[in-house]
């Protein structure tokens, strides 16, 4: 499974960046991005931390 960011819902709060143990996310000039999806351990910490529900894990 890989994390997907709904850019319409994402407010670039970086909560996912801060809680992810796999360093899957990074904050760039364009906002939060999934930069290392292969490092996802499917812990769902990003989903739990996201205040707008912009993150979901999807099947490959």
N, C-alpha and C. Protein backbone atom coordinates (compact mmCIF):
# COMPACT_ATOMS: atom_id res chain seq x y z
N UNK A 1 0.84 -1.18 0.00
CA UNK A 1 0.00 0.00 0.00
C UNK A 1 0.89 1.25 0.00
N UNK A 2 0.36 2.29 -0.61
CA UNK A 2 1.09 3.54 -0.70
C UNK A 2 0.22 4.70 -0.24
N UNK A 3 0.81 5.70 0.41
CA UNK A 3 0.04 6.87 0.81
C UNK A 3 -0.29 7.74 -0.38
N UNK A 4 -1.50 8.30 -0.36
CA UNK A 4 -1.93 9.23 -1.39
C UNK A 4 -2.43 10.49 -0.70
N UNK A 5 -2.03 11.64 -1.25
CA UNK A 5 -2.44 12.93 -0.70
C UNK A 5 -3.48 13.55 -1.61
N UNK A 6 -4.62 13.87 -1.04
CA UNK A 6 -5.65 14.61 -1.77
C UNK A 6 -5.26 16.09 -1.69
N UNK A 7 -4.71 16.62 -2.78
CA UNK A 7 -4.20 17.99 -2.78
C UNK A 7 -5.30 19.03 -2.57
N UNK A 8 -6.53 18.68 -2.86
CA UNK A 8 -7.65 19.60 -2.62
C UNK A 8 -7.89 19.77 -1.11
N UNK A 9 -7.67 18.69 -0.36
CA UNK A 9 -7.93 18.71 1.08
C UNK A 9 -6.69 19.06 1.91
N UNK A 10 -5.52 18.86 1.35
CA UNK A 10 -4.27 19.08 2.09
C UNK A 10 -4.06 20.56 2.36
N UNK A 11 -3.74 20.87 3.64
CA UNK A 11 -3.49 22.27 4.02
C UNK A 11 -2.00 22.50 4.31
N UNK A 12 -1.15 21.56 3.93
CA UNK A 12 0.30 21.67 4.11
C UNK A 12 0.70 21.94 5.55
N UNK A 13 0.05 21.26 6.48
CA UNK A 13 0.36 21.45 7.90
C UNK A 13 1.62 20.68 8.32
N UNK A 14 2.02 19.72 7.51
CA UNK A 14 3.22 18.89 7.74
C UNK A 14 3.09 17.90 8.89
N UNK A 15 1.88 17.66 9.36
CA UNK A 15 1.71 16.67 10.43
C UNK A 15 2.18 15.29 9.96
N UNK A 16 1.90 14.95 8.71
CA UNK A 16 2.32 13.66 8.17
C UNK A 16 3.84 13.57 8.11
N UNK A 17 4.48 14.65 7.73
CA UNK A 17 5.94 14.70 7.68
C UNK A 17 6.51 14.45 9.07
N UNK A 18 5.89 15.05 10.07
CA UNK A 18 6.39 14.96 11.45
C UNK A 18 6.19 13.59 12.09
N UNK A 19 5.13 12.88 11.75
CA UNK A 19 4.83 11.61 12.43
C UNK A 19 5.30 10.37 11.70
N UNK A 20 5.63 10.47 10.44
CA UNK A 20 5.97 9.29 9.65
C UNK A 20 7.32 8.69 10.06
N UNK A 21 7.32 7.44 10.57
CA UNK A 21 8.58 6.82 10.97
C UNK A 21 9.44 6.40 9.77
N UNK A 22 8.83 6.29 8.59
CA UNK A 22 9.56 5.87 7.40
C UNK A 22 10.08 7.01 6.55
N UNK A 23 9.86 8.24 6.97
CA UNK A 23 10.29 9.42 6.21
C UNK A 23 9.77 9.39 4.77
N UNK A 24 8.51 9.00 4.64
CA UNK A 24 7.86 8.88 3.33
C UNK A 24 7.56 10.24 2.71
N UNK A 25 7.30 11.24 3.55
CA UNK A 25 6.85 12.55 3.08
C UNK A 25 7.95 13.60 3.20
N UNK A 26 7.83 14.64 2.38
CA UNK A 26 8.69 15.81 2.53
C UNK A 26 7.89 17.05 2.17
N UNK A 27 8.34 18.17 2.69
CA UNK A 27 7.69 19.45 2.38
C UNK A 27 8.55 20.18 1.37
N UNK A 28 7.96 20.53 0.24
CA UNK A 28 8.68 21.22 -0.82
C UNK A 28 8.00 22.56 -1.08
N UNK A 29 8.52 23.30 -2.02
CA UNK A 29 7.90 24.58 -2.39
C UNK A 29 6.48 24.39 -2.90
N UNK A 30 6.18 23.21 -3.45
CA UNK A 30 4.84 22.91 -3.94
C UNK A 30 3.93 22.33 -2.87
N UNK A 31 4.44 22.16 -1.67
CA UNK A 31 3.66 21.60 -0.58
C UNK A 31 4.16 20.23 -0.16
N UNK A 32 3.35 19.52 0.59
CA UNK A 32 3.73 18.18 1.06
C UNK A 32 3.63 17.21 -0.10
N UNK A 33 4.65 16.35 -0.21
CA UNK A 33 4.68 15.34 -1.27
C UNK A 33 5.07 13.99 -0.70
N UNK A 34 4.62 12.94 -1.38
CA UNK A 34 5.06 11.58 -1.08
C UNK A 34 6.35 11.39 -1.88
N UNK A 35 7.48 11.39 -1.19
CA UNK A 35 8.75 11.31 -1.89
C UNK A 35 9.41 9.93 -1.82
N UNK A 36 9.06 9.14 -0.82
CA UNK A 36 9.65 7.81 -0.68
C UNK A 36 8.55 6.79 -0.34
N UNK A 37 7.62 6.54 -1.26
CA UNK A 37 6.49 5.65 -0.95
C UNK A 37 6.92 4.22 -0.61
N UNK A 38 8.04 3.79 -1.13
CA UNK A 38 8.52 2.43 -0.87
C UNK A 38 8.91 2.24 0.60
N UNK A 39 9.09 3.33 1.34
CA UNK A 39 9.46 3.26 2.75
C UNK A 39 8.24 3.15 3.68
N UNK A 40 7.05 3.20 3.13
CA UNK A 40 5.83 3.14 3.94
C UNK A 40 5.71 1.77 4.61
N UNK A 41 5.50 1.79 5.94
CA UNK A 41 5.34 0.54 6.69
C UNK A 41 3.87 0.29 7.04
N UNK A 42 2.99 1.08 6.45
CA UNK A 42 1.54 0.93 6.61
C UNK A 42 1.07 1.05 8.06
N UNK A 43 1.71 1.93 8.81
CA UNK A 43 1.33 2.12 10.21
C UNK A 43 0.12 3.04 10.36
N UNK A 44 -0.19 3.78 9.31
CA UNK A 44 -1.33 4.70 9.25
C UNK A 44 -1.22 5.90 10.20
N UNK A 45 -0.02 6.18 10.69
CA UNK A 45 0.18 7.35 11.55
C UNK A 45 -0.14 8.63 10.78
N UNK A 46 0.16 8.66 9.51
CA UNK A 46 -0.12 9.84 8.69
C UNK A 46 -1.62 10.08 8.58
N UNK A 47 -2.38 9.02 8.38
CA UNK A 47 -3.85 9.15 8.31
C UNK A 47 -4.41 9.68 9.62
N UNK A 48 -3.91 9.14 10.73
CA UNK A 48 -4.39 9.56 12.05
C UNK A 48 -4.03 11.01 12.35
N UNK A 49 -2.87 11.44 11.91
CA UNK A 49 -2.39 12.79 12.22
C UNK A 49 -2.99 13.87 11.32
N UNK A 50 -3.47 13.51 10.15
CA UNK A 50 -3.96 14.50 9.19
C UNK A 50 -5.28 15.11 9.65
N UNK A 51 -5.29 16.42 9.91
CA UNK A 51 -6.50 17.06 10.43
C UNK A 51 -7.63 17.19 9.41
N UNK A 52 -7.32 17.06 8.12
CA UNK A 52 -8.35 17.23 7.11
C UNK A 52 -8.73 15.93 6.40
N UNK A 53 -8.08 14.82 6.78
CA UNK A 53 -8.36 13.54 6.14
C UNK A 53 -7.85 13.47 4.71
N UNK A 54 -6.81 14.24 4.42
CA UNK A 54 -6.27 14.29 3.05
C UNK A 54 -5.41 13.09 2.70
N UNK A 55 -5.06 12.28 3.67
CA UNK A 55 -4.18 11.13 3.43
C UNK A 55 -4.93 9.82 3.52
N UNK A 56 -4.67 8.95 2.57
CA UNK A 56 -5.21 7.60 2.60
C UNK A 56 -4.15 6.65 2.05
N UNK A 57 -4.20 5.42 2.50
CA UNK A 57 -3.32 4.39 1.94
C UNK A 57 -4.10 3.67 0.86
N UNK A 58 -3.49 3.50 -0.30
CA UNK A 58 -4.16 2.84 -1.42
C UNK A 58 -3.34 1.63 -1.87
N UNK A 59 -4.01 0.71 -2.50
CA UNK A 59 -3.33 -0.46 -3.07
C UNK A 59 -2.44 -0.01 -4.21
N UNK A 60 -1.34 -0.72 -4.39
CA UNK A 60 -0.40 -0.38 -5.47
C UNK A 60 -1.05 -0.51 -6.82
